[in-house]
Amino acid sequence: MLDFLPKSLLKVNLSMCPKIRTLDANMEVLKDLRVLDISKCHRLRSLPKGIENLSSLQELNAEECECLEIIESLPQHLSKLNLRGCRQLKWLGASISMLTELTLLDVSECPHLNPLPVETTSIEF
């Protein structure tokens, strides 16, 4: 799906694409990507494998991705993570506690989310 995109992209906005169920695993070739907006992709079930390899990614907006259940891993330099309204989200992987640059985390309206690790102390809720 993303093979045709220039590798130098800084921002990708796929918000409000109701038919998207998965994202291309090749997304990790977008090494310069800083912002990924996948908000309101209501059928999206998971983040792409290898998303943790997007070393420049600073902002991930997955607001109202209602079918998103589990987030296994996240890029290390993420500073903003919006998961508001991910109603099926149950678990954030252990990588959440490794995000030392994370300053904003919105997990409101995620009624099934398991408690966050205690180590997430530098985050603004």
Foldseek 3Di string as FASTA:
>chain_A
DCPPPDLQDQEDAQDPPQVDQEDDLVPLSNLNHAYYHHANNQNHAEYHPPQLSNQNHAYYHHDQNQNHAEYAAHHQAHAEYEHHNNQNHAEYHPNLLNNPNHAEYHHHNNVRYDDDDPSNPNYDD
